[in-house]
Amino acid sequence: MGTDANYERPAGSPAASVVHSLHERKETLATAESLTGGLLSASIVEIAGVSGVYRGGLVVYATELKSELAGVPANLLAERGPVDPDVAAALAEGGRRRCGADWGLATTGVAGPEPQDGKPVGLVYVAAAGPGGTEVRELHLDGGRDHVRSAAVIEALRLLAEQIHAAPEADGAQSADEADGTDDRAGAGQR
């Protein structure tokens, strides 16, 4: 496990804490990642017993895939670029919706070594979307590419843990699609 934004090793595994909380609540999780490129989902699936919690994830490194796969509005990406708080929110919401999960967790930002579209290295947005709405956190991380990516994972998991603990527990938790009456998971392969 890497270090967080303050170069501190978190006590325990942030992923294990999230998986345990979701398991207790009978809720599910999906991820949509850009700058972490699968590192977030890898940290989650390391946890034993995660199969009842983790639905899946999207790695949408290329900008157009954020729209095509995660449902981020193309006009938002064209206007602001991929490193933006509203893009992070749309990624979390899109991952949640596309994977039929109760919670969506997303990362986007600039890991370096060079700035991107005028955005500095270390500017990262993490977002958690859940039954009660979506929360985005802006991070300014320093250090090398590996540290920026691993710190983004830890900070995303921390944000999700905070949101889970703040959310009321649902009776018989259901996915985002079930909640809005558009459960299309069974027909997902028919598109």
N, C-alpha and C. Protein backbone atom coordinates (compact mmCIF):
# COMPACT_ATOMS: atom_id res chain seq x y z
N MET A 1 0.86 -1.17 0.00
CA MET A 1 0.00 0.00 0.00
C MET A 1 0.89 1.22 0.00
N GLY A 2 0.54 2.19 -0.81
CA GLY A 2 1.31 3.41 -0.93
C GLY A 2 1.03 4.36 0.22
N THR A 3 1.34 5.62 -0.02
CA THR A 3 1.11 6.64 1.00
C THR A 3 0.03 7.59 0.52
N ASP A 4 -0.60 8.27 1.47
CA ASP A 4 -1.67 9.20 1.14
C ASP A 4 -1.10 10.55 0.75
N ALA A 5 -1.97 11.55 0.67
CA ALA A 5 -1.56 12.88 0.24
C ALA A 5 -0.51 13.50 1.15
N ASN A 6 -0.45 13.07 2.41
CA ASN A 6 0.53 13.60 3.36
C ASN A 6 1.72 12.68 3.54
N TYR A 7 1.90 11.73 2.63
CA TYR A 7 2.99 10.76 2.69
C TYR A 7 2.93 9.90 3.94
N GLU A 8 1.73 9.68 4.45
CA GLU A 8 1.55 8.82 5.61
C GLU A 8 0.93 7.50 5.16
N ARG A 9 1.33 6.43 5.79
CA ARG A 9 0.71 5.13 5.50
C ARG A 9 -0.57 5.06 6.33
N PRO A 10 -1.69 4.81 5.68
CA PRO A 10 -2.94 4.74 6.44
C PRO A 10 -2.94 3.55 7.39
N ALA A 11 -3.57 3.72 8.54
CA ALA A 11 -3.71 2.62 9.48
C ALA A 11 -4.74 1.66 8.91
N GLY A 12 -4.34 0.45 8.68
CA GLY A 12 -5.26 -0.51 8.06
C GLY A 12 -5.41 -0.21 6.57
N SER A 13 -6.17 -1.01 5.92
CA SER A 13 -6.39 -0.82 4.50
C SER A 13 -7.66 -0.03 4.26
N PRO A 14 -7.57 1.12 3.59
CA PRO A 14 -8.79 1.87 3.27
C PRO A 14 -9.76 1.03 2.44
N ALA A 15 -9.24 0.20 1.55
CA ALA A 15 -10.11 -0.64 0.73
C ALA A 15 -10.84 -1.67 1.60
N ALA A 16 -10.14 -2.27 2.56
CA ALA A 16 -10.77 -3.25 3.44
C ALA A 16 -11.88 -2.61 4.26
N SER A 17 -11.66 -1.41 4.73
CA SER A 17 -12.66 -0.70 5.51
C SER A 17 -13.92 -0.46 4.68
N VAL A 18 -13.75 0.00 3.44
CA VAL A 18 -14.88 0.25 2.55
C VAL A 18 -15.62 -1.04 2.23
N VAL A 19 -14.88 -2.09 1.88
CA VAL A 19 -15.50 -3.37 1.55
C VAL A 19 -16.30 -3.89 2.74
N HIS A 20 -15.72 -3.81 3.92
CA HIS A 20 -16.41 -4.28 5.13
C HIS A 20 -17.70 -3.48 5.35
N SER A 21 -17.62 -2.16 5.25
CA SER A 21 -18.80 -1.32 5.46
C SER A 21 -19.90 -1.64 4.45
N LEU A 22 -19.52 -1.79 3.20
CA LEU A 22 -20.52 -2.09 2.17
C LEU A 22 -21.12 -3.48 2.37
N HIS A 23 -20.29 -4.43 2.77
CA HIS A 23 -20.79 -5.78 3.04
C HIS A 23 -21.83 -5.75 4.17
N GLU A 24 -21.52 -5.02 5.23
CA GLU A 24 -22.44 -4.91 6.36
C GLU A 24 -23.76 -4.28 5.93
N ARG A 25 -23.70 -3.33 5.00
CA ARG A 25 -24.89 -2.62 4.55
C ARG A 25 -25.61 -3.32 3.39
N LYS A 26 -24.98 -4.40 2.90
CA LYS A 26 -25.52 -5.13 1.74
C LYS A 26 -25.65 -4.20 0.53
N GLU A 27 -24.60 -3.41 0.31
CA GLU A 27 -24.56 -2.48 -0.82
C GLU A 27 -23.38 -2.83 -1.72
N THR A 28 -23.44 -2.31 -2.94
CA THR A 28 -22.43 -2.65 -3.94
C THR A 28 -21.68 -1.42 -4.42
N LEU A 29 -20.54 -1.67 -5.09
CA LEU A 29 -19.63 -0.62 -5.54
C LEU A 29 -19.17 -0.89 -6.96
N ALA A 30 -19.01 0.20 -7.72
CA ALA A 30 -18.38 0.16 -9.04
C ALA A 30 -17.37 1.30 -9.11
N THR A 31 -16.39 1.16 -9.98
CA THR A 31 -15.37 2.20 -10.14
C THR A 31 -15.32 2.68 -11.59
N ALA A 32 -14.89 3.93 -11.77
CA ALA A 32 -14.61 4.50 -13.08
C ALA A 32 -13.31 5.29 -12.92
N GLU A 33 -12.26 4.80 -13.57
CA GLU A 33 -10.93 5.36 -13.34
C GLU A 33 -10.33 5.95 -14.60
N SER A 34 -9.65 7.06 -14.41
CA SER A 34 -8.84 7.63 -15.46
C SER A 34 -7.38 7.57 -15.01
N LEU A 35 -6.92 8.54 -14.25
CA LEU A 35 -5.49 8.61 -13.94
C LEU A 35 -4.96 7.41 -13.19
N THR A 36 -5.79 6.70 -12.44
CA THR A 36 -5.31 5.54 -11.69
C THR A 36 -5.28 4.28 -12.53
N GLY A 37 -5.88 4.28 -13.69
CA GLY A 37 -5.73 3.21 -14.68
C GLY A 37 -5.91 1.78 -14.18
N GLY A 38 -6.81 1.55 -13.26
CA GLY A 38 -7.05 0.21 -12.72
C GLY A 38 -6.47 -0.02 -11.34
N LEU A 39 -5.66 0.90 -10.87
CA LEU A 39 -5.05 0.76 -9.54
C LEU A 39 -6.10 0.77 -8.43
N LEU A 40 -7.14 1.58 -8.60
CA LEU A 40 -8.21 1.64 -7.61
C LEU A 40 -8.95 0.30 -7.55
N SER A 41 -9.36 -0.21 -8.68
CA SER A 41 -10.08 -1.49 -8.68
C SER A 41 -9.18 -2.62 -8.18
N ALA A 42 -7.90 -2.58 -8.52
CA ALA A 42 -6.98 -3.60 -8.05
C ALA A 42 -6.87 -3.58 -6.53
N SER A 43 -6.87 -2.40 -5.93
CA SER A 43 -6.77 -2.31 -4.46
C SER A 43 -8.04 -2.85 -3.81
N ILE A 44 -9.16 -2.72 -4.49
CA ILE A 44 -10.43 -3.22 -3.94
C ILE A 44 -10.51 -4.73 -4.05
N VAL A 45 -10.14 -5.28 -5.21
CA VAL A 45 -10.28 -6.73 -5.39
C VAL A 45 -9.22 -7.53 -4.64
N GLU A 46 -8.26 -6.88 -4.04
CA GLU A 46 -7.29 -7.57 -3.17
C GLU A 46 -7.96 -8.09 -1.90
N ILE A 47 -9.09 -7.52 -1.53
CA ILE A 47 -9.74 -7.82 -0.26
C ILE A 47 -10.55 -9.11 -0.38
N ALA A 48 -10.30 -10.03 0.53
CA ALA A 48 -11.04 -11.30 0.54
C ALA A 48 -12.52 -11.02 0.79
N GLY A 49 -13.38 -11.71 0.08
CA GLY A 49 -14.81 -11.57 0.25
C GLY A 49 -15.42 -10.41 -0.52
N VAL A 50 -14.65 -9.80 -1.40
CA VAL A 50 -15.13 -8.61 -2.12
C VAL A 50 -16.17 -8.94 -3.19
N SER A 51 -16.28 -10.20 -3.59
CA SER A 51 -17.15 -10.53 -4.72
C SER A 51 -18.62 -10.19 -4.46
N GLY A 52 -19.04 -10.15 -3.21
CA GLY A 52 -20.41 -9.77 -2.91
C GLY A 52 -20.64 -8.27 -2.90
N VAL A 53 -19.57 -7.50 -3.03
CA VAL A 53 -19.65 -6.05 -2.94
C VAL A 53 -19.28 -5.37 -4.26
N TYR A 54 -18.19 -5.81 -4.89
CA TYR A 54 -17.67 -5.10 -6.06
C TYR A 54 -18.31 -5.62 -7.33
N ARG A 55 -19.02 -4.75 -8.04
CA ARG A 55 -19.72 -5.12 -9.27
C ARG A 55 -18.78 -5.11 -10.47
N GLY A 56 -17.85 -4.16 -10.50
CA GLY A 56 -16.94 -4.05 -11.64
C GLY A 56 -16.52 -2.61 -11.82
N GLY A 57 -15.78 -2.39 -12.90
CA GLY A 57 -15.29 -1.03 -13.10
C GLY A 57 -14.95 -0.75 -14.54
N LEU A 58 -14.74 0.53 -14.79
CA LEU A 58 -14.36 1.02 -16.10
C LEU A 58 -13.02 1.73 -15.98
N VAL A 59 -12.11 1.38 -16.86
CA VAL A 59 -10.86 2.14 -16.96
C VAL A 59 -10.98 2.93 -18.25
N VAL A 60 -11.17 4.23 -18.11
CA VAL A 60 -11.42 5.10 -19.26
C VAL A 60 -10.31 6.15 -19.33
N TYR A 61 -9.17 5.68 -19.73
CA TYR A 61 -7.99 6.54 -19.78
C TYR A 61 -8.11 7.55 -20.92
N ALA A 62 -8.55 7.10 -22.08
CA ALA A 62 -8.72 7.99 -23.23
C ALA A 62 -9.95 8.88 -23.01
N THR A 63 -9.83 10.14 -23.36
CA THR A 63 -10.91 11.10 -23.11
C THR A 63 -12.22 10.67 -23.75
N GLU A 64 -12.20 10.21 -25.00
CA GLU A 64 -13.46 9.85 -25.66
C GLU A 64 -14.15 8.66 -24.98
N LEU A 65 -13.38 7.79 -24.33
CA LEU A 65 -13.99 6.65 -23.64
C LEU A 65 -14.74 7.09 -22.38
N LYS A 66 -14.36 8.22 -21.82
CA LYS A 66 -15.10 8.74 -20.67
C LYS A 66 -16.55 8.99 -21.07
N SER A 67 -16.74 9.46 -22.27
CA SER A 67 -18.09 9.69 -22.79
C SER A 67 -18.72 8.40 -23.28
N GLU A 68 -18.01 7.66 -24.11
CA GLU A 68 -18.57 6.47 -24.74
C GLU A 68 -18.90 5.36 -23.75
N LEU A 69 -18.06 5.12 -22.77
CA LEU A 69 -18.27 4.02 -21.83
C LEU A 69 -18.88 4.45 -20.50
N ALA A 70 -18.46 5.60 -19.99
CA ALA A 70 -18.92 6.02 -18.66
C ALA A 70 -20.08 7.01 -18.73
N GLY A 71 -20.41 7.48 -19.92
CA GLY A 71 -21.55 8.38 -20.05
C GLY A 71 -21.30 9.81 -19.64
N VAL A 72 -20.04 10.23 -19.56
CA VAL A 72 -19.74 11.63 -19.27
C VAL A 72 -20.19 12.44 -20.48
N PRO A 73 -20.94 13.51 -20.29
CA PRO A 73 -21.40 14.30 -21.44
C PRO A 73 -20.23 14.79 -22.30
N ALA A 74 -20.32 14.53 -23.60
CA ALA A 74 -19.25 14.91 -24.53
C ALA A 74 -19.02 16.42 -24.53
N ASN A 75 -20.10 17.20 -24.39
CA ASN A 75 -19.92 18.66 -24.39
C ASN A 75 -19.17 19.13 -23.15
N LEU A 76 -19.34 18.45 -22.02
CA LEU A 76 -18.60 18.78 -20.80
C LEU A 76 -17.11 18.52 -21.02
N LEU A 77 -16.79 17.38 -21.60
CA LEU A 77 -15.38 17.06 -21.88
C LEU A 77 -14.79 18.05 -22.87
N ALA A 78 -15.55 18.44 -23.88
CA ALA A 78 -15.06 19.39 -24.90
C ALA A 78 -14.81 20.76 -24.29
N GLU A 79 -15.69 21.20 -23.39
CA GLU A 79 -15.57 22.52 -22.78
C GLU A 79 -14.48 22.61 -21.73
N ARG A 80 -14.36 21.56 -20.90
CA ARG A 80 -13.48 21.66 -19.73
C ARG A 80 -12.32 20.69 -19.72
N GLY A 81 -12.35 19.67 -20.55
CA GLY A 81 -11.31 18.66 -20.53
C GLY A 81 -11.59 17.61 -19.48
N PRO A 82 -10.76 16.57 -19.44
CA PRO A 82 -11.03 15.45 -18.55
C PRO A 82 -10.70 15.69 -17.08
N VAL A 83 -9.90 16.70 -16.78
CA VAL A 83 -9.51 16.97 -15.39
C VAL A 83 -10.36 18.11 -14.86
N ASP A 84 -11.50 17.73 -14.28
CA ASP A 84 -12.51 18.70 -13.88
C ASP A 84 -13.40 18.07 -12.82
N PRO A 85 -13.88 18.84 -11.85
CA PRO A 85 -14.72 18.25 -10.81
C PRO A 85 -16.04 17.68 -11.34
N ASP A 86 -16.64 18.34 -12.32
CA ASP A 86 -17.90 17.83 -12.87
C ASP A 86 -17.68 16.56 -13.68
N VAL A 87 -16.52 16.44 -14.30
CA VAL A 87 -16.17 15.20 -15.00
C VAL A 87 -16.00 14.07 -13.99
N ALA A 88 -15.34 14.36 -12.88
CA ALA A 88 -15.17 13.33 -11.84
C ALA A 88 -16.53 12.86 -11.34
N ALA A 89 -17.44 13.81 -11.09
CA ALA A 89 -18.78 13.45 -10.63
C ALA A 89 -19.50 12.59 -11.67
N ALA A 90 -19.41 12.98 -12.93
CA ALA A 90 -20.07 12.22 -14.00
C ALA A 90 -19.47 10.83 -14.15
N LEU A 91 -18.16 10.71 -13.94
CA LEU A 91 -17.52 9.39 -13.98
C LEU A 91 -18.07 8.49 -12.87
N ALA A 92 -18.15 9.02 -11.65
CA ALA A 92 -18.64 8.22 -10.53
C ALA A 92 -20.09 7.81 -10.76
N GLU A 93 -20.89 8.76 -11.23
CA GLU A 93 -22.30 8.46 -11.50
C GLU A 93 -22.44 7.48 -12.65
N GLY A 94 -21.64 7.65 -13.70
CA GLY A 94 -21.69 6.76 -14.85
C GLY A 94 -21.26 5.35 -14.51
N GLY A 95 -20.18 5.22 -13.73
CA GLY A 95 -19.73 3.90 -13.31
C GLY A 95 -20.79 3.20 -12.47
N ARG A 96 -21.39 3.95 -11.59
CA ARG A 96 -22.45 3.42 -10.73
C ARG A 96 -23.62 2.93 -11.57
N ARG A 97 -24.05 3.76 -12.49
CA ARG A 97 -25.20 3.43 -13.33
C ARG A 97 -24.89 2.27 -14.28
N ARG A 98 -23.76 2.34 -14.97
CA ARG A 98 -23.43 1.32 -15.96
C ARG A 98 -23.21 -0.05 -15.34
N CYS A 99 -22.72 -0.08 -14.12
CA CYS A 99 -22.45 -1.36 -13.46
C CYS A 99 -23.58 -1.78 -12.52
N GLY A 100 -24.63 -0.97 -12.40
CA GLY A 100 -25.76 -1.31 -11.55
C GLY A 100 -25.39 -1.44 -10.09
N ALA A 101 -24.62 -0.48 -9.58
CA ALA A 101 -24.14 -0.52 -8.20
C ALA A 101 -24.80 0.56 -7.36
N ASP A 102 -24.75 0.37 -6.05
CA ASP A 102 -25.27 1.38 -5.13
C ASP A 102 -24.34 2.59 -5.05
N TRP A 103 -23.04 2.33 -5.19
CA TRP A 103 -22.03 3.38 -5.06
C TRP A 103 -21.11 3.36 -6.27
N GLY A 104 -20.67 4.55 -6.69
CA GLY A 104 -19.67 4.69 -7.74
C GLY A 104 -18.52 5.51 -7.22
N LEU A 105 -17.30 5.13 -7.58
CA LEU A 105 -16.10 5.82 -7.13
C LEU A 105 -15.23 6.10 -8.34
N ALA A 106 -14.77 7.35 -8.47
CA ALA A 106 -14.04 7.74 -9.67
C ALA A 106 -12.79 8.56 -9.36
N THR A 107 -11.84 8.49 -10.30
CA THR A 107 -10.61 9.28 -10.23
C THR A 107 -10.32 9.89 -11.59
N THR A 108 -9.86 11.14 -11.57
CA THR A 108 -9.36 11.78 -12.78
C THR A 108 -8.34 12.83 -12.34
N GLY A 109 -7.36 13.08 -13.16
CA GLY A 109 -6.34 14.06 -12.78
C GLY A 109 -5.10 13.96 -13.64
N VAL A 110 -4.06 14.64 -13.19
CA VAL A 110 -2.79 14.68 -13.91
C VAL A 110 -1.71 14.05 -13.03
N ALA A 111 -1.21 12.89 -13.46
CA ALA A 111 -0.18 12.19 -12.69
C ALA A 111 1.23 12.63 -13.09
N GLY A 112 1.35 13.23 -14.26
CA GLY A 112 2.66 13.67 -14.70
C GLY A 112 3.30 12.70 -15.66
N PRO A 113 4.47 12.96 -16.11
CA PRO A 113 5.39 13.96 -15.58
C PRO A 113 5.15 15.39 -16.08
N GLU A 114 4.29 15.58 -17.08
CA GLU A 114 4.05 16.91 -17.64
C GLU A 114 2.62 17.37 -17.33
N PRO A 115 2.40 18.70 -17.27
CA PRO A 115 1.04 19.20 -17.14
C PRO A 115 0.19 18.74 -18.34
N GLN A 116 -1.12 18.77 -18.18
CA GLN A 116 -2.04 18.35 -19.24
C GLN A 116 -3.10 19.41 -19.44
N ASP A 117 -3.24 19.90 -20.65
CA ASP A 117 -4.26 20.91 -20.97
C ASP A 117 -4.25 22.08 -20.00
N GLY A 118 -3.05 22.52 -19.61
CA GLY A 118 -2.93 23.64 -18.70
C GLY A 118 -3.16 23.31 -17.24
N LYS A 119 -3.41 22.03 -16.93
CA LYS A 119 -3.63 21.61 -15.55
C LYS A 119 -2.32 21.08 -14.98
N PRO A 120 -1.97 21.47 -13.75
CA PRO A 120 -0.68 21.08 -13.19
C PRO A 120 -0.62 19.61 -12.76
N VAL A 121 0.58 19.09 -12.77
CA VAL A 121 0.82 17.76 -12.24
C VAL A 121 0.38 17.74 -10.78
N GLY A 122 -0.36 16.71 -10.40
CA GLY A 122 -0.81 16.57 -9.02
C GLY A 122 -2.21 17.07 -8.77
N LEU A 123 -2.84 17.73 -9.77
CA LEU A 123 -4.24 18.13 -9.62
C LEU A 123 -5.09 16.89 -9.89
N VAL A 124 -5.85 16.48 -8.88
CA VAL A 124 -6.64 15.26 -8.95
C VAL A 124 -8.02 15.54 -8.40
N TYR A 125 -9.02 14.92 -9.03
CA TYR A 125 -10.38 14.96 -8.51
C TYR A 125 -10.82 13.52 -8.26
N VAL A 126 -11.34 13.28 -7.08
CA VAL A 126 -11.94 11.99 -6.76
C VAL A 126 -13.41 12.25 -6.45
N ALA A 127 -14.26 11.30 -6.80
CA ALA A 127 -15.69 11.49 -6.60
C ALA A 127 -16.33 10.20 -6.13
N ALA A 128 -17.30 10.34 -5.25
CA ALA A 128 -18.09 9.21 -4.77
C ALA A 128 -19.56 9.54 -5.00
N ALA A 129 -20.24 8.65 -5.73
CA ALA A 129 -21.67 8.82 -6.01
C ALA A 129 -22.42 7.72 -5.29
N GLY A 130 -23.47 8.09 -4.58
CA GLY A 130 -24.24 7.10 -3.84
C GLY A 130 -25.71 7.45 -3.80
N PRO A 131 -26.44 6.72 -3.01
CA PRO A 131 -27.88 6.93 -2.93
C PRO A 131 -28.28 8.36 -2.54
N GLY A 132 -27.43 9.04 -1.81
CA GLY A 132 -27.76 10.38 -1.36
C GLY A 132 -27.17 11.50 -2.19
N GLY A 133 -26.48 11.18 -3.28
CA GLY A 133 -25.87 12.20 -4.11
C GLY A 133 -24.41 11.93 -4.38
N THR A 134 -23.74 12.94 -4.90
CA THR A 134 -22.34 12.80 -5.33
C THR A 134 -21.50 13.85 -4.65
N GLU A 135 -20.34 13.43 -4.17
CA GLU A 135 -19.38 14.32 -3.52
C GLU A 135 -18.07 14.26 -4.29
N VAL A 136 -17.48 15.42 -4.55
CA VAL A 136 -16.20 15.51 -5.26
C VAL A 136 -15.18 16.17 -4.35
N ARG A 137 -13.96 15.67 -4.38
CA ARG A 137 -12.88 16.27 -3.60
C ARG A 137 -11.73 16.62 -4.55
N GLU A 138 -11.25 17.86 -4.43
CA GLU A 138 -10.09 18.31 -5.21
C GLU A 138 -8.84 18.09 -4.37
N LEU A 139 -7.84 17.48 -5.00
CA LEU A 139 -6.58 17.21 -4.32
C LEU A 139 -5.44 17.90 -5.06
N HIS A 140 -4.46 18.34 -4.32
CA HIS A 140 -3.23 18.89 -4.90
C HIS A 140 -2.10 18.05 -4.33
N LEU A 141 -1.69 17.06 -5.11
CA LEU A 141 -0.70 16.09 -4.66
C LEU A 141 0.66 16.43 -5.23
N ASP A 142 1.69 16.23 -4.43
CA ASP A 142 3.04 16.44 -4.94
C ASP A 142 3.75 15.11 -5.01
N GLY A 143 4.94 15.14 -5.53
CA GLY A 143 5.70 13.90 -5.66
C GLY A 143 5.63 13.38 -7.09
N GLY A 144 6.21 12.22 -7.28
CA GLY A 144 6.26 11.62 -8.60
C GLY A 144 4.96 10.97 -9.01
N ARG A 145 4.96 10.49 -10.23
CA ARG A 145 3.78 9.87 -10.84
C ARG A 145 3.21 8.73 -9.99
N ASP A 146 4.07 7.85 -9.49
CA ASP A 146 3.59 6.73 -8.69
C ASP A 146 2.91 7.20 -7.41
N HIS A 147 3.49 8.20 -6.77
CA HIS A 147 2.89 8.72 -5.54
C HIS A 147 1.54 9.38 -5.82
N VAL A 148 1.45 10.17 -6.87
CA VAL A 148 0.19 10.83 -7.21
C VAL A 148 -0.90 9.79 -7.42
N ARG A 149 -0.60 8.74 -8.15
CA ARG A 149 -1.60 7.71 -8.43
C ARG A 149 -2.00 6.93 -7.17
N SER A 150 -1.02 6.52 -6.37
CA SER A 150 -1.35 5.74 -5.17
C SER A 150 -2.06 6.62 -4.12
N ALA A 151 -1.65 7.87 -4.00
CA ALA A 151 -2.33 8.78 -3.06
C ALA A 151 -3.77 9.04 -3.52
N ALA A 152 -3.98 9.12 -4.83
CA ALA A 152 -5.34 9.33 -5.35
C ALA A 152 -6.24 8.15 -4.97
N VAL A 153 -5.71 6.94 -5.03
CA VAL A 153 -6.48 5.76 -4.65
C VAL A 153 -6.88 5.84 -3.18
N ILE A 154 -5.92 6.13 -2.31
CA ILE A 154 -6.20 6.21 -0.87
C ILE A 154 -7.21 7.30 -0.57
N GLU A 155 -7.04 8.47 -1.19
CA GLU A 155 -7.95 9.58 -0.93
C GLU A 155 -9.35 9.31 -1.48
N ALA A 156 -9.45 8.62 -2.60
CA ALA A 156 -10.77 8.23 -3.14
C ALA A 156 -11.48 7.29 -2.17
N LEU A 157 -10.75 6.31 -1.67
CA LEU A 157 -11.34 5.37 -0.71
C LEU A 157 -11.74 6.06 0.58
N ARG A 158 -10.96 7.03 1.02
CA ARG A 158 -11.31 7.80 2.22
C ARG A 158 -12.60 8.58 2.00
N LEU A 159 -12.71 9.21 0.83
CA LEU A 159 -13.93 9.95 0.51
C LEU A 159 -15.14 9.02 0.52
N LEU A 160 -15.00 7.87 -0.11
CA LEU A 160 -16.10 6.91 -0.14
C LEU A 160 -16.47 6.46 1.28
N ALA A 161 -15.48 6.16 2.10
CA ALA A 161 -15.75 5.74 3.48
C ALA A 161 -16.54 6.81 4.23
N GLU A 162 -16.16 8.07 4.05
CA GLU A 162 -16.87 9.17 4.70
C GLU A 162 -18.32 9.24 4.23
N GLN A 163 -18.52 9.08 2.91
CA GLN A 163 -19.87 9.15 2.36
C GLN A 163 -20.74 7.99 2.81
N ILE A 164 -20.15 6.80 2.88
CA ILE A 164 -20.90 5.63 3.35
C ILE A 164 -21.35 5.85 4.79
N HIS A 165 -20.44 6.32 5.63
CA HIS A 165 -20.78 6.50 7.05
C HIS A 165 -21.78 7.63 7.26
N ALA A 166 -21.82 8.60 6.34
CA ALA A 166 -22.77 9.70 6.46
C ALA A 166 -24.16 9.34 5.91
N ALA A 167 -24.21 8.32 5.07
CA ALA A 167 -25.48 7.96 4.42
C ALA A 167 -26.32 7.08 5.33
N PRO A 168 -27.62 7.32 5.35
CA PRO A 168 -28.49 6.42 6.13
C PRO A 168 -28.50 5.05 5.48
N GLU A 169 -28.62 4.04 6.31
CA GLU A 169 -28.67 2.68 5.79
C GLU A 169 -30.03 2.42 5.18
N ALA A 170 -30.02 1.92 3.96
CA ALA A 170 -31.27 1.61 3.27
C ALA A 170 -31.78 0.25 3.70
N ASP A 171 -33.07 0.11 3.80
CA ASP A 171 -33.68 -1.19 4.07
C ASP A 171 -33.67 -1.97 2.77
N GLY A 172 -33.03 -3.13 2.77
CA GLY A 172 -32.97 -3.93 1.54
C GLY A 172 -32.34 -3.13 0.42
N ALA A 173 -31.06 -2.75 0.57
CA ALA A 173 -30.37 -1.91 -0.39
C ALA A 173 -30.56 -2.43 -1.81
N GLN A 174 -30.65 -1.48 -2.74
CA GLN A 174 -30.83 -1.84 -4.14
C GLN A 174 -29.90 -1.02 -5.00
N SER A 175 -29.72 -1.47 -6.21
CA SER A 175 -28.81 -0.76 -7.12
C SER A 175 -29.43 0.56 -7.56
N ALA A 176 -28.62 1.40 -8.17
CA ALA A 176 -29.07 2.69 -8.67
C ALA A 176 -30.17 2.50 -9.71
N ASP A 177 -30.04 1.53 -10.59
CA ASP A 177 -31.04 1.30 -11.62
C ASP A 177 -32.34 0.78 -11.04
N GLU A 178 -32.25 -0.09 -10.06
CA GLU A 178 -33.47 -0.60 -9.43
C GLU A 178 -34.20 0.54 -8.73
N ALA A 179 -33.44 1.43 -8.11
CA ALA A 179 -34.04 2.53 -7.37
C ALA A 179 -34.82 3.46 -8.28
N ASP A 180 -34.33 3.69 -9.51
CA ASP A 180 -35.04 4.60 -10.40
C ASP A 180 -35.95 3.87 -11.39
N GLY A 181 -36.08 2.55 -11.21
CA GLY A 181 -37.01 1.79 -12.02
C GLY A 181 -36.50 1.43 -13.40
N THR A 182 -35.20 1.58 -13.62
CA THR A 182 -34.65 1.27 -14.94
C THR A 182 -33.63 0.16 -14.88
N ASP A 183 -33.90 -0.87 -14.12
CA ASP A 183 -32.95 -1.98 -13.98
C ASP A 183 -32.75 -2.64 -15.32
N ASP A 184 -31.61 -2.37 -15.96
CA ASP A 184 -31.34 -2.94 -17.27
C ASP A 184 -30.15 -3.88 -17.26
N ARG A 185 -29.76 -4.36 -16.07
CA ARG A 185 -28.60 -5.24 -16.00
C ARG A 185 -28.84 -6.52 -16.77
N ALA A 186 -30.04 -7.08 -16.73
CA ALA A 186 -30.31 -8.34 -17.43
C ALA A 186 -30.16 -8.17 -18.93
N GLY A 187 -30.47 -7.01 -19.44
CA GLY A 187 -30.38 -6.79 -20.89
C GLY A 187 -29.11 -6.11 -21.32
N ALA A 188 -28.15 -5.98 -20.44
CA ALA A 188 -26.94 -5.24 -20.78
C ALA A 188 -26.19 -5.86 -21.95
N GLY A 189 -26.24 -7.18 -22.07
CA GLY A 189 -25.53 -7.83 -23.17
C GLY A 189 -26.28 -7.72 -24.49
N GLN A 190 -27.47 -7.15 -24.49
CA GLN A 190 -28.28 -7.08 -25.69
C GLN A 190 -28.23 -5.72 -26.36
N ARG A 191 -27.24 -4.93 -26.08
CA ARG A 191 -27.15 -3.59 -26.68
C ARG A 191 -26.30 -3.60 -27.90
